[in-house]
Amino acid sequence: MENEYSKVKVNNEMDFCSVTDIDVKTALEKAFMKARVSYFLRWEKPSLFSKIFGSTKPNIVFCINSAQLETAEEVIKSLGEMESELKMLRTKSNNRVGF
């Protein structure tokens, strides 16, 4: 039996920020967990162009639920000087899940 929500598609994820430093990633993960911000990570391999010019670190994108945007921004402010290591994106996520 279907309910009224079974036909509703929800796509409320957003690319919130990206980071290349593993220490900053770990600190942000801990801060998000403490503030109960739901997130997932998307690891992007370095492009050929960036490899040529010396950057071999992966780009790690933090994707969050758009309903938690205000809480996530407060978490970022609480990080202090680590905030400068983050690249803020705040764009609609382009994640597709195929079934």
C-alpha atoms as a PDB file:
ATOM      1  CA  MET A   1       0.000   0.000   0.000  1.00  0.00           C
ATOM      2  CA  GLU A   2       1.386   3.403  -0.970  1.00  0.00           C
ATOM      3  CA  ASN A   3       1.097   6.464   1.170  1.00  0.00           C
ATOM      4  CA  GLU A   4       1.013  10.059  -0.021  1.00  0.00           C
ATOM      5  CA  TYR A   5       4.754  10.483   0.523  1.00  0.00           C
ATOM      6  CA  SER A   6       5.885   7.553  -1.611  1.00  0.00           C
ATOM      7  CA  LYS A   7       5.535   9.552  -4.852  1.00  0.00           C
ATOM      8  CA  VAL A   8       7.256  12.675  -3.527  1.00  0.00           C
ATOM      9  CA  LYS A   9      10.822  13.235  -4.703  1.00  0.00           C
ATOM     10  CA  VAL A  10      12.989  15.206  -2.340  1.00  0.00           C
ATOM     11  CA  ASN A  11      16.184  16.747  -3.563  1.00  0.00           C
ATOM     12  CA  ASN A  12      17.286  19.116  -0.849  1.00  0.00           C
ATOM     13  CA  GLU A  13      21.032  18.458  -0.750  1.00  0.00           C
ATOM     14  CA  MET A  14      23.428  21.283  -1.393  1.00  0.00           C
ATOM     15  CA  ASP A  15      27.176  21.507  -1.926  1.00  0.00           C
ATOM     16  CA  PHE A  16      28.076  23.575   1.117  1.00  0.00           C
ATOM     17  CA  CYS A  17      31.866  23.846   1.050  1.00  0.00           C
ATOM     18  CA  SER A  18      35.005  22.123  -0.153  1.00  0.00           C
ATOM     19  CA  VAL A  19      38.364  21.487   1.456  1.00  0.00           C
ATOM     20  CA  THR A  20      41.663  19.883   0.442  1.00  0.00           C
ATOM     21  CA  ASP A  21      43.378  19.688   3.848  1.00  0.00           C
ATOM     22  CA  ILE A  22      42.651  16.434   5.726  1.00  0.00           C
ATOM     23  CA  ASP A  23      43.097  18.068   9.151  1.00  0.00           C
ATOM     24  CA  VAL A  24      40.500  20.731   8.317  1.00  0.00           C
ATOM     25  CA  LYS A  25      38.180  18.009   6.994  1.00  0.00           C
ATOM     26  CA  THR A  26      38.473  16.100  10.274  1.00  0.00           C
ATOM     27  CA  ALA A  27      37.849  19.228  12.366  1.00  0.00           C
ATOM     28  CA  LEU A  28      34.803  20.153  10.288  1.00  0.00           C
ATOM     29  CA  GLU A  29      33.410  16.619  10.538  1.00  0.00           C
ATOM     30  CA  LYS A  30      33.731  16.692  14.330  1.00  0.00           C
ATOM     31  CA  ALA A  31      32.094  20.124  14.512  1.00  0.00           C
ATOM     32  CA  PHE A  32      29.205  19.013  12.266  1.00  0.00           C
ATOM     33  CA  MET A  33      28.664  15.891  14.381  1.00  0.00           C
ATOM     34  CA  LYS A  34      28.683  17.911  17.591  1.00  0.00           C
ATOM     35  CA  ALA A  35      26.115  20.344  16.137  1.00  0.00           C
ATOM     36  CA  ARG A  36      24.096  17.420  14.691  1.00  0.00           C
ATOM     37  CA  VAL A  37      24.406  18.638  11.093  1.00  0.00           C
ATOM     38  CA  SER A  38      23.676  15.876   8.622  1.00  0.00           C
ATOM     39  CA  TYR A  39      26.277  15.718   5.835  1.00  0.00           C
ATOM     40  CA  PHE A  40      27.986  13.464   3.353  1.00  0.00           C
ATOM     41  CA  LEU A  41      31.316  13.754   1.588  1.00  0.00           C
ATOM     42  CA  ARG A  42      31.996  13.680  -2.128  1.00  0.00           C
ATOM     43  CA  TRP A  43      35.639  13.080  -3.006  1.00  0.00           C
ATOM     44  CA  GLU A  44      36.727  14.616  -6.307  1.00  0.00           C
ATOM     45  CA  LYS A  45      39.956  13.477  -7.900  1.00  0.00           C
ATOM     46  CA  PRO A  46      42.371  16.197  -9.016  1.00  0.00           C
ATOM     47  CA  SER A  47      41.946  17.114 -12.652  1.00  0.00           C
ATOM     48  CA  LEU A  48      44.729  16.688 -15.176  1.00  0.00           C
ATOM     49  CA  PHE A  49      45.140  20.471 -15.275  1.00  0.00           C
ATOM     50  CA  SER A  50      45.675  20.700 -11.507  1.00  0.00           C
ATOM     51  CA  LYS A  51      48.101  17.757 -11.552  1.00  0.00           C
ATOM     52  CA  ILE A  52      50.222  19.539 -14.154  1.00  0.00           C
ATOM     53  CA  PHE A  53      50.479  22.615 -11.945  1.00  0.00           C
ATOM     54  CA  GLY A  54      51.370  20.695  -8.788  1.00  0.00           C
ATOM     55  CA  SER A  55      48.139  20.079  -6.885  1.00  0.00           C
ATOM     56  CA  THR A  56      47.592  16.366  -6.301  1.00  0.00           C
ATOM     57  CA  LYS A  57      45.322  16.661  -3.253  1.00  0.00           C
ATOM     58  CA  PRO A  58      41.726  15.516  -3.690  1.00  0.00           C
ATOM     59  CA  ASN A  59      38.952  18.060  -3.339  1.00  0.00           C
ATOM     60  CA  ILE A  60      36.487  17.023  -0.615  1.00  0.00           C
ATOM     61  CA  VAL A  61      33.006  18.521  -0.926  1.00  0.00           C
ATOM     62  CA  PHE A  62      30.739  18.647   2.126  1.00  0.00           C
ATOM     63  CA  CYS A  63      27.114  18.243   1.082  1.00  0.00           C
ATOM     64  CA  ILE A  64      24.403  19.112   3.610  1.00  0.00           C
ATOM     65  CA  ASN A  65      20.638  19.259   3.822  1.00  0.00           C
ATOM     66  CA  SER A  66      19.557  22.763   2.812  1.00  0.00           C
ATOM     67  CA  ALA A  67      17.278  22.939   5.886  1.00  0.00           C
ATOM     68  CA  GLN A  68      20.411  22.942   8.066  1.00  0.00           C
ATOM     69  CA  LEU A  69      22.165  25.804   6.274  1.00  0.00           C
ATOM     70  CA  GLU A  70      21.996  28.264   9.195  1.00  0.00           C
ATOM     71  CA  THR A  71      23.356  25.713  11.677  1.00  0.00           C
ATOM     72  CA  ALA A  72      26.164  24.757   9.284  1.00  0.00           C
ATOM     73  CA  GLU A  73      27.140  28.413   8.828  1.00  0.00           C
ATOM     74  CA  GLU A  74      27.327  28.826  12.619  1.00  0.00           C
ATOM     75  CA  VAL A  75      29.604  25.776  12.771  1.00  0.00           C
ATOM     76  CA  ILE A  76      31.897  27.339  10.153  1.00  0.00           C
ATOM     77  CA  LYS A  77      32.121  30.567  12.170  1.00  0.00           C
ATOM     78  CA  SER A  78      33.063  28.577  15.272  1.00  0.00           C
ATOM     79  CA  LEU A  79      36.106  27.085  13.493  1.00  0.00           C
ATOM     80  CA  GLY A  80      37.971  30.380  13.690  1.00  0.00           C
ATOM     81  CA  GLU A  81      41.082  30.576  11.527  1.00  0.00           C
ATOM     82  CA  MET A  82      40.330  27.224   9.847  1.00  0.00           C
ATOM     83  CA  GLU A  83      37.484  28.989   8.052  1.00  0.00           C
ATOM     84  CA  SER A  84      40.017  30.460   5.623  1.00  0.00           C
ATOM     85  CA  GLU A  85      40.957  26.909   4.490  1.00  0.00           C
ATOM     86  CA  LEU A  86      37.399  26.280   3.248  1.00  0.00           C
ATOM     87  CA  LYS A  87      36.023  27.193  -0.136  1.00  0.00           C
ATOM     88  CA  MET A  88      32.362  28.053   0.333  1.00  0.00           C
ATOM     89  CA  LEU A  89      30.096  26.758  -2.450  1.00  0.00           C
ATOM     90  CA  ARG A  90      26.447  26.965  -1.282  1.00  0.00           C
ATOM     91  CA  THR A  91      25.087  25.562  -4.556  1.00  0.00           C
ATOM     92  CA  LYS A  92      22.422  23.001  -5.315  1.00  0.00           C
ATOM     93  CA  SER A  93      23.962  19.554  -5.282  1.00  0.00           C
ATOM     94  CA  ASN A  94      24.198  17.738  -8.578  1.00  0.00           C
ATOM     95  CA  ASN A  95      24.239  14.253  -7.025  1.00  0.00           C
ATOM     96  CA  ARG A  96      22.265  11.621  -8.819  1.00  0.00           C
ATOM     97  CA  VAL A  97      21.511   8.221  -7.409  1.00  0.00           C
ATOM     98  CA  GLY A  98      20.690   5.592  -9.996  1.00  0.00           C
ATOM     99  CA  PHE A  99      18.511   2.637  -9.130  1.00  0.00           C
END
